[in-house]
């Protein structure tokens, strides 16, 4: 059965959920991106193995200014153009208070799944109905459960999360990532190499899926550029 959502109902759910729009960050990154930037990573064994599924998740980390957000957008565009799975994205952002928490990440993911239509949309409709047809707001736990359900129904899902270090609720984000990593969806995340990430992420991603980005390599358009990872 295919669920069809009317434009008016979709707008009502969007007003209730108030999801941050990740596309504004992607558009800005595209403006800063030079032609061919990031091609080296798209051709790398790490990305190709992740895309084929032999690597479930990847953490790309590097110092400030190494071009992680531009690379995230390059990866996003590649998946949207060449991959048949549902691709979701979120960019944490110090400059936008709406893009700094796990709760708002979940609101964004839920609405992206909802907007793509299909049977998964029923999950968010049920949450909307349960909360008095939008007169009450869901908490983080309810949003997380809803996103999990929607992803299970959707099937093949890839999620790109950029700039984890710009999240202000890491005490919630990291446990959520740990649980999410055990599910069916694939994660690609970027951040600075901060202590809590270096301690926690390798535990549930595996060391071989943690990729150190070199600033010169990220900004290089050559396929000869390299990143450091354990093969």
N, C-alpha and C. Protein backbone atom coordinates (compact mmCIF):
# COMPACT_ATOMS: atom_id res chain seq x y z
N UNK A 1 0.84 -1.19 0.00
CA UNK A 1 0.00 0.00 0.00
C UNK A 1 0.88 1.25 0.00
N UNK A 2 0.55 2.21 -0.83
CA UNK A 2 1.30 3.46 -0.90
C UNK A 2 0.50 4.56 -0.22
N UNK A 3 1.13 5.26 0.69
CA UNK A 3 0.46 6.35 1.39
C UNK A 3 0.67 7.65 0.64
N UNK A 4 -0.42 8.34 0.33
CA UNK A 4 -0.34 9.61 -0.37
C UNK A 4 -0.73 10.72 0.60
N UNK A 5 0.14 11.68 0.77
CA UNK A 5 -0.10 12.78 1.70
C UNK A 5 -0.45 14.04 0.93
N UNK A 6 -1.56 14.67 1.29
CA UNK A 6 -1.96 15.90 0.60
C UNK A 6 -0.99 17.02 0.94
N UNK A 7 -0.91 18.00 0.04
CA UNK A 7 -0.01 19.13 0.26
C UNK A 7 -0.39 19.88 1.53
N UNK A 8 -1.68 20.02 1.79
CA UNK A 8 -2.12 20.78 2.97
C UNK A 8 -1.75 20.05 4.26
N UNK A 9 -1.89 18.72 4.26
CA UNK A 9 -1.53 17.96 5.45
C UNK A 9 -0.03 17.96 5.65
N UNK A 10 0.72 17.85 4.55
CA UNK A 10 2.18 17.90 4.65
C UNK A 10 2.62 19.22 5.26
N UNK A 11 2.00 20.31 4.82
CA UNK A 11 2.35 21.64 5.35
C UNK A 11 2.01 21.73 6.83
N UNK A 12 0.90 21.10 7.23
CA UNK A 12 0.49 21.12 8.64
C UNK A 12 1.50 20.35 9.50
N UNK A 13 1.94 19.20 9.01
CA UNK A 13 2.93 18.41 9.74
C UNK A 13 4.26 19.16 9.81
N UNK A 14 4.62 19.83 8.73
CA UNK A 14 5.88 20.59 8.72
C UNK A 14 5.83 21.74 9.72
N UNK A 15 4.70 22.43 9.81
CA UNK A 15 4.57 23.53 10.79
C UNK A 15 4.68 22.99 12.21
N UNK A 16 4.10 21.83 12.44
CA UNK A 16 4.16 21.21 13.77
C UNK A 16 5.57 20.76 14.11
N UNK A 17 6.21 20.09 13.18
CA UNK A 17 7.54 19.52 13.44
C UNK A 17 8.63 20.58 13.40
N UNK A 18 8.46 21.58 12.55
CA UNK A 18 9.42 22.68 12.39
C UNK A 18 10.84 22.15 12.19
N UNK A 19 11.07 21.33 11.15
CA UNK A 19 12.39 20.72 10.96
C UNK A 19 13.38 21.70 10.36
N UNK A 20 14.61 21.73 10.85
CA UNK A 20 15.64 22.57 10.23
C UNK A 20 15.91 22.10 8.80
N UNK A 21 16.25 23.03 7.93
CA UNK A 21 16.48 22.72 6.52
C UNK A 21 17.98 22.55 6.26
N UNK A 22 18.40 21.31 6.08
CA UNK A 22 19.83 21.04 5.84
C UNK A 22 20.31 21.61 4.52
N UNK A 23 19.39 21.81 3.57
CA UNK A 23 19.80 22.18 2.22
C UNK A 23 20.48 23.54 2.15
N UNK A 24 20.22 24.41 3.13
CA UNK A 24 20.88 25.73 3.11
C UNK A 24 22.38 25.58 3.31
N UNK A 25 22.80 24.64 4.16
CA UNK A 25 24.23 24.39 4.36
C UNK A 25 24.85 23.77 3.12
N UNK A 26 24.13 22.86 2.50
CA UNK A 26 24.64 22.22 1.29
C UNK A 26 24.80 23.22 0.15
N UNK A 27 23.84 24.12 0.02
CA UNK A 27 23.91 25.13 -1.05
C UNK A 27 25.13 26.03 -0.85
N UNK A 28 25.39 26.42 0.40
CA UNK A 28 26.54 27.27 0.69
C UNK A 28 27.84 26.54 0.38
N UNK A 29 27.90 25.26 0.73
CA UNK A 29 29.11 24.47 0.46
C UNK A 29 29.34 24.32 -1.04
N UNK A 30 28.27 24.17 -1.79
CA UNK A 30 28.42 24.05 -3.26
C UNK A 30 29.00 25.32 -3.86
N UNK A 31 28.63 26.46 -3.31
CA UNK A 31 29.16 27.73 -3.81
C UNK A 31 30.65 27.85 -3.55
N UNK A 32 31.12 27.24 -2.46
CA UNK A 32 32.54 27.33 -2.10
C UNK A 32 33.37 26.24 -2.77
N UNK A 33 32.71 25.27 -3.35
CA UNK A 33 33.40 24.09 -3.88
C UNK A 33 33.95 24.35 -5.28
N UNK A 34 35.19 23.97 -5.50
CA UNK A 34 35.78 24.04 -6.83
C UNK A 34 35.44 22.76 -7.60
N UNK A 35 35.38 22.86 -8.89
CA UNK A 35 35.07 21.70 -9.73
C UNK A 35 36.07 20.57 -9.47
N UNK A 36 35.56 19.39 -9.21
CA UNK A 36 36.42 18.23 -8.99
C UNK A 36 36.84 18.01 -7.56
N UNK A 37 36.54 18.97 -6.67
CA UNK A 37 36.93 18.81 -5.26
C UNK A 37 36.25 17.59 -4.66
N UNK A 38 37.04 16.76 -4.00
CA UNK A 38 36.51 15.58 -3.34
C UNK A 38 36.45 14.34 -4.19
N UNK A 39 36.79 14.48 -5.48
CA UNK A 39 36.77 13.31 -6.37
C UNK A 39 37.68 12.20 -5.85
N UNK A 40 38.82 12.60 -5.28
CA UNK A 40 39.76 11.63 -4.74
C UNK A 40 39.09 10.73 -3.70
N UNK A 41 38.19 11.31 -2.88
CA UNK A 41 37.55 10.49 -1.85
C UNK A 41 36.48 9.60 -2.45
N UNK A 42 35.73 10.12 -3.42
CA UNK A 42 34.70 9.30 -4.07
C UNK A 42 35.31 8.07 -4.72
N UNK A 43 36.58 8.19 -5.15
CA UNK A 43 37.28 7.07 -5.79
C UNK A 43 38.05 6.20 -4.80
N UNK A 44 38.07 6.58 -3.54
CA UNK A 44 38.88 5.88 -2.54
C UNK A 44 38.26 4.54 -2.16
N UNK A 45 39.08 3.56 -1.74
CA UNK A 45 38.54 2.28 -1.28
C UNK A 45 37.56 2.45 -0.12
N UNK A 46 37.85 3.38 0.80
CA UNK A 46 36.98 3.56 1.96
C UNK A 46 35.56 3.90 1.53
N UNK A 47 35.41 4.86 0.62
CA UNK A 47 34.08 5.26 0.18
C UNK A 47 33.41 4.19 -0.66
N UNK A 48 34.17 3.60 -1.58
CA UNK A 48 33.59 2.58 -2.45
C UNK A 48 33.10 1.37 -1.64
N UNK A 49 33.86 0.99 -0.62
CA UNK A 49 33.45 -0.13 0.23
C UNK A 49 32.24 0.24 1.07
N UNK A 50 32.19 1.49 1.53
CA UNK A 50 31.02 1.95 2.28
C UNK A 50 29.79 1.95 1.37
N UNK A 51 29.95 2.44 0.18
CA UNK A 51 28.82 2.53 -0.76
C UNK A 51 28.29 1.14 -1.11
N UNK A 52 29.18 0.17 -1.22
CA UNK A 52 28.77 -1.20 -1.54
C UNK A 52 28.25 -1.95 -0.32
N UNK A 53 28.51 -1.39 0.88
CA UNK A 53 27.98 -2.00 2.09
C UNK A 53 28.95 -2.85 2.89
N UNK A 54 30.18 -3.06 2.39
CA UNK A 54 31.14 -3.86 3.15
C UNK A 54 31.69 -3.08 4.35
N UNK A 55 31.59 -1.76 4.30
CA UNK A 55 31.82 -0.92 5.48
C UNK A 55 30.46 -0.31 5.83
N UNK A 56 29.97 -0.60 7.03
CA UNK A 56 28.65 -0.11 7.41
C UNK A 56 28.63 1.39 7.66
N UNK A 57 29.67 1.87 8.35
CA UNK A 57 29.69 3.28 8.74
C UNK A 57 31.10 3.85 8.53
N UNK A 58 31.18 5.17 8.39
CA UNK A 58 32.47 5.86 8.29
C UNK A 58 32.44 7.13 9.11
N UNK A 59 33.55 7.35 9.82
CA UNK A 59 33.76 8.64 10.51
C UNK A 59 34.94 9.32 9.84
N UNK A 60 34.69 10.47 9.25
CA UNK A 60 35.73 11.27 8.62
C UNK A 60 36.08 12.41 9.56
N UNK A 61 37.32 12.47 10.02
CA UNK A 61 37.67 13.50 10.99
C UNK A 61 38.92 14.25 10.56
N UNK A 62 38.96 15.53 10.92
CA UNK A 62 40.10 16.37 10.59
C UNK A 62 39.99 17.70 11.30
N UNK A 63 41.07 18.46 11.29
CA UNK A 63 41.10 19.73 11.97
C UNK A 63 40.21 20.75 11.29
N UNK A 64 39.92 21.84 12.00
CA UNK A 64 39.10 22.91 11.44
C UNK A 64 39.72 23.44 10.16
N UNK A 65 38.87 23.71 9.18
CA UNK A 65 39.36 24.29 7.94
C UNK A 65 39.84 23.29 6.91
N UNK A 66 39.64 21.99 7.18
CA UNK A 66 40.12 21.00 6.21
C UNK A 66 39.06 20.65 5.16
N UNK A 67 37.93 21.33 5.19
CA UNK A 67 36.95 21.16 4.11
C UNK A 67 35.96 20.02 4.30
N UNK A 68 35.67 19.67 5.57
CA UNK A 68 34.78 18.53 5.83
C UNK A 68 33.37 18.77 5.31
N UNK A 69 32.86 20.00 5.48
CA UNK A 69 31.49 20.28 5.04
C UNK A 69 31.37 20.24 3.53
N UNK A 70 32.37 20.75 2.84
CA UNK A 70 32.37 20.67 1.37
C UNK A 70 32.43 19.21 0.94
N UNK A 71 33.25 18.41 1.62
CA UNK A 71 33.35 16.99 1.29
C UNK A 71 32.03 16.28 1.58
N UNK A 72 31.38 16.61 2.69
CA UNK A 72 30.08 16.01 3.01
C UNK A 72 29.08 16.29 1.90
N UNK A 73 29.10 17.51 1.39
CA UNK A 73 28.18 17.88 0.32
C UNK A 73 28.51 17.16 -0.98
N UNK A 74 29.79 16.99 -1.26
CA UNK A 74 30.21 16.22 -2.44
C UNK A 74 29.71 14.78 -2.35
N UNK A 75 29.83 14.19 -1.17
CA UNK A 75 29.34 12.82 -0.95
C UNK A 75 27.82 12.77 -1.10
N UNK A 76 27.13 13.75 -0.51
CA UNK A 76 25.67 13.82 -0.62
C UNK A 76 25.24 13.88 -2.08
N UNK A 77 25.85 14.76 -2.84
CA UNK A 77 25.48 14.92 -4.25
C UNK A 77 25.74 13.64 -5.03
N UNK A 78 26.85 12.97 -4.72
CA UNK A 78 27.16 11.72 -5.41
C UNK A 78 26.09 10.67 -5.15
N UNK A 79 25.67 10.55 -3.89
CA UNK A 79 24.66 9.55 -3.55
C UNK A 79 23.32 9.88 -4.18
N UNK A 80 22.94 11.15 -4.17
CA UNK A 80 21.66 11.55 -4.76
C UNK A 80 21.63 11.28 -6.26
N UNK A 81 22.79 11.38 -6.90
CA UNK A 81 22.86 11.22 -8.35
C UNK A 81 23.07 9.78 -8.80
N UNK A 82 23.71 8.96 -7.96
CA UNK A 82 24.14 7.64 -8.45
C UNK A 82 23.61 6.48 -7.63
N UNK A 83 22.93 6.72 -6.53
CA UNK A 83 22.55 5.64 -5.63
C UNK A 83 21.04 5.52 -5.55
N UNK A 84 20.55 4.29 -5.39
CA UNK A 84 19.11 4.09 -5.36
C UNK A 84 18.54 4.04 -3.95
N UNK A 85 19.38 4.18 -2.95
CA UNK A 85 18.86 4.17 -1.58
C UNK A 85 18.35 5.56 -1.21
N UNK A 86 17.58 5.63 -0.15
CA UNK A 86 17.12 6.91 0.38
C UNK A 86 18.27 7.57 1.13
N UNK A 87 18.61 8.79 0.75
CA UNK A 87 19.74 9.49 1.36
C UNK A 87 19.24 10.68 2.16
N UNK A 88 19.63 10.73 3.43
CA UNK A 88 19.26 11.81 4.35
C UNK A 88 20.52 12.54 4.78
N UNK A 89 20.37 13.79 5.17
CA UNK A 89 21.54 14.57 5.59
C UNK A 89 21.16 15.57 6.67
N UNK A 90 22.17 15.94 7.46
CA UNK A 90 22.00 17.00 8.46
C UNK A 90 23.36 17.62 8.72
N UNK A 91 23.39 18.95 8.80
CA UNK A 91 24.62 19.69 9.04
C UNK A 91 24.49 20.43 10.37
N UNK A 92 25.20 19.96 11.39
CA UNK A 92 25.25 20.73 12.63
C UNK A 92 25.96 22.04 12.34
N UNK A 93 25.55 23.11 13.04
CA UNK A 93 26.02 24.44 12.65
C UNK A 93 26.03 25.38 13.85
N UNK A 94 27.23 25.83 14.25
CA UNK A 94 27.36 26.79 15.35
C UNK A 94 26.62 28.09 15.07
N UNK A 95 26.43 28.42 13.80
CA UNK A 95 25.81 29.69 13.44
C UNK A 95 24.29 29.64 13.41
N UNK A 96 23.72 28.48 13.65
CA UNK A 96 22.27 28.33 13.60
C UNK A 96 21.80 27.51 14.81
N UNK A 97 21.19 28.15 15.81
CA UNK A 97 20.74 27.44 17.01
C UNK A 97 19.79 26.28 16.71
N UNK A 98 19.13 26.32 15.56
CA UNK A 98 18.20 25.25 15.19
C UNK A 98 18.93 24.00 14.69
N UNK A 99 20.23 24.11 14.52
CA UNK A 99 20.99 22.99 13.98
C UNK A 99 22.11 22.56 14.92
N UNK A 100 21.76 22.47 16.21
CA UNK A 100 22.78 22.17 17.21
C UNK A 100 22.41 21.05 18.18
N UNK A 101 21.25 20.43 18.02
CA UNK A 101 20.81 19.44 19.00
C UNK A 101 20.36 18.14 18.34
N UNK A 102 20.40 17.07 19.13
CA UNK A 102 19.89 15.79 18.66
C UNK A 102 18.41 15.90 18.32
N UNK A 103 17.66 16.59 19.14
CA UNK A 103 16.22 16.71 18.89
C UNK A 103 15.94 17.28 17.50
N UNK A 104 16.64 18.33 17.14
CA UNK A 104 16.39 18.94 15.84
C UNK A 104 16.96 18.11 14.68
N UNK A 105 18.02 17.35 14.94
CA UNK A 105 18.46 16.37 13.95
C UNK A 105 17.34 15.39 13.66
N UNK A 106 16.72 14.86 14.71
CA UNK A 106 15.65 13.88 14.55
C UNK A 106 14.44 14.48 13.85
N UNK A 107 14.12 15.73 14.17
CA UNK A 107 13.01 16.40 13.47
C UNK A 107 13.30 16.49 11.97
N UNK A 108 14.53 16.81 11.64
CA UNK A 108 14.91 16.92 10.24
C UNK A 108 14.86 15.57 9.53
N UNK A 109 15.42 14.53 10.15
CA UNK A 109 15.41 13.21 9.54
C UNK A 109 13.99 12.70 9.35
N UNK A 110 13.15 12.91 10.37
CA UNK A 110 11.76 12.45 10.28
C UNK A 110 11.03 13.11 9.11
N UNK A 111 11.24 14.41 8.95
CA UNK A 111 10.52 15.10 7.87
C UNK A 111 11.10 14.76 6.51
N UNK A 112 12.40 14.54 6.43
CA UNK A 112 12.97 14.11 5.15
C UNK A 112 12.37 12.77 4.72
N UNK A 113 12.23 11.85 5.66
CA UNK A 113 11.62 10.56 5.36
C UNK A 113 10.14 10.74 5.00
N UNK A 114 9.47 11.62 5.71
CA UNK A 114 8.05 11.88 5.47
C UNK A 114 7.84 12.48 4.09
N UNK A 115 8.69 13.42 3.74
CA UNK A 115 8.56 14.13 2.47
C UNK A 115 8.81 13.19 1.29
N UNK A 116 9.59 12.14 1.51
CA UNK A 116 9.86 11.19 0.43
C UNK A 116 8.66 10.30 0.15
N UNK A 117 7.65 10.34 1.04
CA UNK A 117 6.41 9.62 0.81
C UNK A 117 6.53 8.14 1.11
N UNK A 118 5.55 7.38 0.63
CA UNK A 118 5.56 5.94 0.84
C UNK A 118 4.96 5.55 2.19
N UNK A 119 5.03 4.28 2.47
CA UNK A 119 4.42 3.73 3.68
C UNK A 119 5.07 4.30 4.95
N UNK A 120 6.35 4.67 4.88
CA UNK A 120 7.05 5.19 6.06
C UNK A 120 6.40 6.45 6.60
N UNK A 121 5.74 7.22 5.74
CA UNK A 121 5.10 8.46 6.18
C UNK A 121 4.07 8.21 7.27
N UNK A 122 3.50 7.03 7.27
CA UNK A 122 2.48 6.71 8.27
C UNK A 122 3.04 6.83 9.69
N UNK A 123 4.34 6.55 9.86
CA UNK A 123 4.94 6.64 11.19
C UNK A 123 4.86 8.03 11.77
N UNK A 124 5.16 9.05 10.95
CA UNK A 124 5.09 10.42 11.44
C UNK A 124 3.64 10.88 11.57
N UNK A 125 2.76 10.41 10.69
CA UNK A 125 1.34 10.73 10.83
C UNK A 125 0.80 10.20 12.16
N UNK A 126 1.22 9.00 12.54
CA UNK A 126 0.78 8.42 13.81
C UNK A 126 1.29 9.25 14.99
N UNK A 127 2.53 9.73 14.89
CA UNK A 127 3.09 10.57 15.96
C UNK A 127 2.32 11.88 16.05
N UNK A 128 2.00 12.46 14.91
CA UNK A 128 1.23 13.70 14.85
C UNK A 128 -0.14 13.51 15.51
N UNK A 129 -0.82 12.42 15.17
CA UNK A 129 -2.14 12.13 15.73
C UNK A 129 -2.06 11.91 17.23
N UNK A 130 -1.05 11.14 17.68
CA UNK A 130 -0.88 10.85 19.10
C UNK A 130 -0.68 12.12 19.91
N UNK A 131 -0.05 13.10 19.31
CA UNK A 131 0.19 14.37 20.00
C UNK A 131 -0.91 15.38 19.68
N UNK A 132 -2.14 14.89 19.82
CA UNK A 132 -3.35 15.73 19.68
C UNK A 132 -3.36 16.50 18.38
N UNK A 133 -3.08 15.77 17.29
CA UNK A 133 -3.08 16.39 15.96
C UNK A 133 -2.21 17.65 15.91
N UNK A 134 -1.04 17.53 16.54
CA UNK A 134 -0.08 18.62 16.46
C UNK A 134 -0.21 19.70 17.52
N UNK A 135 -1.09 19.48 18.49
CA UNK A 135 -1.24 20.51 19.54
C UNK A 135 -0.21 20.34 20.65
N UNK A 136 0.44 19.16 20.69
CA UNK A 136 1.54 18.94 21.63
C UNK A 136 2.79 18.56 20.84
N UNK A 137 3.95 18.77 21.46
CA UNK A 137 5.22 18.47 20.80
C UNK A 137 5.80 17.14 21.31
N UNK A 138 6.40 16.35 20.43
CA UNK A 138 7.04 15.10 20.85
C UNK A 138 8.38 15.37 21.52
N UNK A 139 8.76 14.49 22.45
CA UNK A 139 10.09 14.63 23.05
C UNK A 139 11.11 13.86 22.20
N UNK A 140 12.36 13.95 22.62
CA UNK A 140 13.44 13.32 21.84
C UNK A 140 13.27 11.82 21.73
N UNK A 141 12.81 11.19 22.80
CA UNK A 141 12.62 9.74 22.79
C UNK A 141 11.58 9.33 21.77
N UNK A 142 10.47 10.05 21.73
CA UNK A 142 9.40 9.74 20.77
C UNK A 142 9.86 9.97 19.34
N UNK A 143 10.62 11.04 19.13
CA UNK A 143 11.14 11.32 17.79
C UNK A 143 12.11 10.24 17.34
N UNK A 144 12.97 9.79 18.25
CA UNK A 144 13.95 8.76 17.92
C UNK A 144 13.25 7.46 17.54
N UNK A 145 12.24 7.08 18.31
CA UNK A 145 11.49 5.85 18.01
C UNK A 145 10.78 5.96 16.67
N UNK A 146 10.24 7.14 16.38
CA UNK A 146 9.55 7.37 15.11
C UNK A 146 10.51 7.24 13.93
N UNK A 147 11.68 7.87 14.05
CA UNK A 147 12.68 7.80 12.98
C UNK A 147 13.12 6.35 12.77
N UNK A 148 13.33 5.61 13.85
CA UNK A 148 13.73 4.20 13.73
C UNK A 148 12.68 3.41 12.94
N UNK A 149 11.42 3.61 13.29
CA UNK A 149 10.33 2.90 12.61
C UNK A 149 10.27 3.27 11.14
N UNK A 150 10.37 4.57 10.85
CA UNK A 150 10.30 5.03 9.46
C UNK A 150 11.45 4.46 8.63
N UNK A 151 12.64 4.38 9.24
CA UNK A 151 13.79 3.85 8.51
C UNK A 151 13.64 2.36 8.24
N UNK A 152 13.10 1.63 9.21
CA UNK A 152 12.89 0.20 9.02
C UNK A 152 11.94 -0.06 7.86
N UNK A 153 10.91 0.76 7.76
CA UNK A 153 9.93 0.62 6.67
C UNK A 153 10.54 1.03 5.34
N UNK A 154 11.35 2.08 5.35
CA UNK A 154 11.94 2.59 4.12
C UNK A 154 12.90 1.59 3.49
N UNK A 155 13.68 0.90 4.32
CA UNK A 155 14.63 -0.09 3.79
C UNK A 155 16.03 0.47 3.73
N UNK A 156 16.60 0.57 2.54
CA UNK A 156 17.98 1.01 2.38
C UNK A 156 18.07 2.52 2.57
N UNK A 157 18.77 2.93 3.63
CA UNK A 157 18.89 4.35 3.97
C UNK A 157 20.35 4.67 4.27
N UNK A 158 20.83 5.78 3.74
CA UNK A 158 22.15 6.31 4.07
C UNK A 158 21.96 7.68 4.72
N UNK A 159 22.68 7.92 5.81
CA UNK A 159 22.56 9.18 6.55
C UNK A 159 23.93 9.85 6.63
N UNK A 160 23.99 11.10 6.21
CA UNK A 160 25.22 11.89 6.29
C UNK A 160 25.03 12.94 7.38
N UNK A 161 25.90 12.92 8.38
CA UNK A 161 25.86 13.91 9.47
C UNK A 161 27.17 14.68 9.46
N UNK A 162 27.08 15.98 9.27
CA UNK A 162 28.28 16.81 9.17
C UNK A 162 28.49 17.61 10.45
N UNK A 163 29.75 17.77 10.84
CA UNK A 163 30.17 18.65 11.94
C UNK A 163 29.55 18.25 13.28
N UNK A 164 29.77 17.01 13.69
CA UNK A 164 29.28 16.56 14.99
C UNK A 164 29.78 17.45 16.12
N UNK A 165 30.96 18.02 15.96
CA UNK A 165 31.54 18.86 17.01
C UNK A 165 30.75 20.14 17.24
N UNK A 166 29.84 20.48 16.32
CA UNK A 166 29.01 21.67 16.48
C UNK A 166 27.65 21.35 17.10
N UNK A 167 27.51 20.11 17.58
CA UNK A 167 26.31 19.71 18.33
C UNK A 167 26.52 20.06 19.80
N UNK A 168 25.53 20.68 20.41
CA UNK A 168 25.63 21.11 21.81
C UNK A 168 25.06 20.07 22.77
N UNK A 169 24.52 18.97 22.25
CA UNK A 169 23.95 17.93 23.12
C UNK A 169 24.63 16.59 22.84
N UNK A 170 25.95 16.59 22.93
CA UNK A 170 26.70 15.37 22.62
C UNK A 170 26.39 14.25 23.60
N UNK A 171 26.01 14.60 24.83
CA UNK A 171 25.68 13.57 25.81
C UNK A 171 24.45 12.78 25.37
N UNK A 172 23.65 13.34 24.49
CA UNK A 172 22.52 12.63 23.88
C UNK A 172 22.89 12.06 22.51
N UNK A 173 23.68 12.81 21.77
CA UNK A 173 24.01 12.41 20.40
C UNK A 173 24.79 11.10 20.34
N UNK A 174 25.83 10.97 21.16
CA UNK A 174 26.69 9.79 21.07
C UNK A 174 25.95 8.49 21.43
N UNK A 175 25.14 8.46 22.51
CA UNK A 175 24.36 7.24 22.77
C UNK A 175 23.38 6.93 21.64
N UNK A 176 22.78 7.98 21.06
CA UNK A 176 21.88 7.76 19.93
C UNK A 176 22.64 7.15 18.75
N UNK A 177 23.82 7.67 18.47
CA UNK A 177 24.63 7.13 17.37
C UNK A 177 24.99 5.67 17.63
N UNK A 178 25.28 5.35 18.87
CA UNK A 178 25.64 3.97 19.21
C UNK A 178 24.49 3.02 18.89
N UNK A 179 23.28 3.42 19.28
CA UNK A 179 22.12 2.60 18.97
C UNK A 179 21.82 2.56 17.49
N UNK A 180 21.96 3.71 16.85
CA UNK A 180 21.67 3.81 15.42
C UNK A 180 22.62 2.95 14.61
N UNK A 181 23.87 2.89 15.04
CA UNK A 181 24.90 2.13 14.31
C UNK A 181 24.60 0.64 14.28
N UNK A 182 23.79 0.17 15.22
CA UNK A 182 23.45 -1.25 15.25
C UNK A 182 22.24 -1.58 14.38
N UNK A 183 21.63 -0.55 13.78
CA UNK A 183 20.46 -0.76 12.93
C UNK A 183 20.84 -1.04 11.49
N UNK A 184 19.86 -0.88 10.60
CA UNK A 184 20.06 -1.23 9.20
C UNK A 184 20.65 -0.10 8.36
N UNK A 185 20.46 1.14 8.78
CA UNK A 185 20.92 2.28 7.98
C UNK A 185 22.44 2.41 8.06
N UNK A 186 23.01 3.06 7.04
CA UNK A 186 24.45 3.34 7.02
C UNK A 186 24.69 4.80 7.38
N UNK A 187 25.73 5.02 8.18
CA UNK A 187 26.09 6.37 8.62
C UNK A 187 27.42 6.81 8.01
N UNK A 188 27.47 8.07 7.63
CA UNK A 188 28.72 8.74 7.24
C UNK A 188 28.74 10.04 8.05
N UNK A 189 29.70 10.18 8.96
CA UNK A 189 29.72 11.35 9.83
C UNK A 189 31.07 12.05 9.74
N UNK A 190 31.07 13.37 9.97
CA UNK A 190 32.31 14.14 9.98
C UNK A 190 32.40 14.96 11.26
N UNK A 191 33.63 15.23 11.69
CA UNK A 191 33.83 16.09 12.85
C UNK A 191 35.30 16.42 13.00
N UNK A 192 35.58 17.32 13.93
CA UNK A 192 36.95 17.51 14.38
C UNK A 192 37.31 16.33 15.29
N UNK A 193 38.61 16.06 15.45
CA UNK A 193 39.03 14.90 16.26
C UNK A 193 39.02 15.21 17.75
N UNK A 194 37.86 15.51 18.30
CA UNK A 194 37.79 15.88 19.71
C UNK A 194 37.74 14.64 20.59
N UNK A 195 38.12 14.83 21.86
CA UNK A 195 38.39 13.69 22.74
C UNK A 195 37.22 12.73 22.88
N UNK A 196 36.00 13.26 23.07
CA UNK A 196 34.86 12.36 23.28
C UNK A 196 34.56 11.55 22.02
N UNK A 197 34.75 12.14 20.86
CA UNK A 197 34.53 11.39 19.62
C UNK A 197 35.61 10.33 19.43
N UNK A 198 36.86 10.70 19.71
CA UNK A 198 37.96 9.73 19.55
C UNK A 198 37.82 8.57 20.52
N UNK A 199 37.22 8.82 21.66
CA UNK A 199 37.02 7.77 22.65
C UNK A 199 35.84 6.87 22.28
N UNK A 200 34.74 7.47 21.83
CA UNK A 200 33.50 6.72 21.68
C UNK A 200 33.26 6.15 20.28
N UNK A 201 33.49 6.94 19.24
CA UNK A 201 33.07 6.51 17.90
C UNK A 201 33.77 5.23 17.44
N UNK A 202 35.10 5.08 17.66
CA UNK A 202 35.73 3.82 17.23
C UNK A 202 35.14 2.58 17.90
N UNK A 203 34.52 2.76 19.07
CA UNK A 203 33.94 1.62 19.77
C UNK A 203 32.75 1.03 19.02
N UNK A 204 31.96 1.89 18.39
CA UNK A 204 30.80 1.34 17.69
C UNK A 204 30.88 1.45 16.17
N UNK A 205 31.92 2.09 15.64
CA UNK A 205 32.14 2.10 14.20
C UNK A 205 33.24 1.12 13.79
N UNK A 206 34.15 0.81 14.72
CA UNK A 206 35.36 0.02 14.46
C UNK A 206 36.46 0.95 13.96
N UNK A 207 37.67 0.72 14.45
CA UNK A 207 38.81 1.58 14.11
C UNK A 207 39.04 1.71 12.61
N UNK A 208 38.83 0.63 11.87
CA UNK A 208 39.12 0.67 10.44
C UNK A 208 38.18 1.60 9.67
N UNK A 209 37.09 1.99 10.29
CA UNK A 209 36.12 2.87 9.64
C UNK A 209 36.24 4.32 10.11
N UNK A 210 37.36 4.64 10.74
CA UNK A 210 37.64 6.00 11.19
C UNK A 210 38.74 6.57 10.30
N UNK A 211 38.41 7.56 9.51
CA UNK A 211 39.29 8.06 8.44
C UNK A 211 39.81 9.45 8.79
N UNK A 212 41.13 9.57 8.90
CA UNK A 212 41.76 10.87 9.15
C UNK A 212 41.91 11.61 7.82
N UNK A 213 41.35 12.81 7.76
CA UNK A 213 41.42 13.62 6.54
C UNK A 213 42.58 14.60 6.62
N UNK A 214 43.36 14.65 5.57
CA UNK A 214 44.45 15.61 5.45
C UNK A 214 43.94 16.84 4.73
N UNK A 215 44.26 18.03 5.25
CA UNK A 215 43.74 19.27 4.67
C UNK A 215 44.09 19.40 3.20
N UNK A 216 45.30 19.07 2.85
CA UNK A 216 45.72 19.20 1.45
C UNK A 216 44.95 18.23 0.56
N UNK A 217 44.68 17.03 1.11
CA UNK A 217 43.98 16.03 0.33
C UNK A 217 42.52 16.42 0.09
N UNK A 218 41.87 16.93 1.14
CA UNK A 218 40.45 17.28 1.02
C UNK A 218 40.23 18.31 -0.06
N UNK A 219 41.13 19.28 -0.15
CA UNK A 219 40.96 20.36 -1.11
C UNK A 219 41.56 20.03 -2.48
N UNK A 220 42.10 18.83 -2.60
CA UNK A 220 42.73 18.43 -3.85
C UNK A 220 41.69 17.88 -4.81
N UNK A 221 41.82 18.19 -6.09
CA UNK A 221 40.90 17.67 -7.09
C UNK A 221 41.45 16.42 -7.77
N UNK A 222 42.64 16.03 -7.39
CA UNK A 222 43.30 14.89 -8.04
C UNK A 222 42.90 13.58 -7.39
N UNK A 223 42.75 12.56 -8.19
CA UNK A 223 42.47 11.23 -7.65
C UNK A 223 43.71 10.62 -7.02
N UNK A 224 44.87 11.31 -7.12
CA UNK A 224 46.09 10.81 -6.50
C UNK A 224 46.17 11.17 -5.03
N UNK A 225 45.28 12.07 -4.56
CA UNK A 225 45.30 12.46 -3.15
C UNK A 225 44.92 11.25 -2.29
N UNK A 226 45.33 11.30 -1.03
CA UNK A 226 45.09 10.15 -0.17
C UNK A 226 44.54 10.59 1.19
N UNK A 227 43.78 9.67 1.82
CA UNK A 227 43.40 9.85 3.21
C UNK A 227 44.00 8.68 3.98
N UNK A 228 44.08 8.83 5.28
CA UNK A 228 44.70 7.81 6.11
C UNK A 228 43.62 7.00 6.80
N UNK A 229 43.65 5.69 6.62
CA UNK A 229 42.74 4.81 7.33
C UNK A 229 43.34 3.42 7.37
N UNK A 230 42.81 2.61 8.27
CA UNK A 230 43.28 1.23 8.38
C UNK A 230 42.50 0.38 7.40
N UNK A 231 43.19 -0.24 6.47
CA UNK A 231 42.51 -1.05 5.46
C UNK A 231 42.19 -2.44 5.99
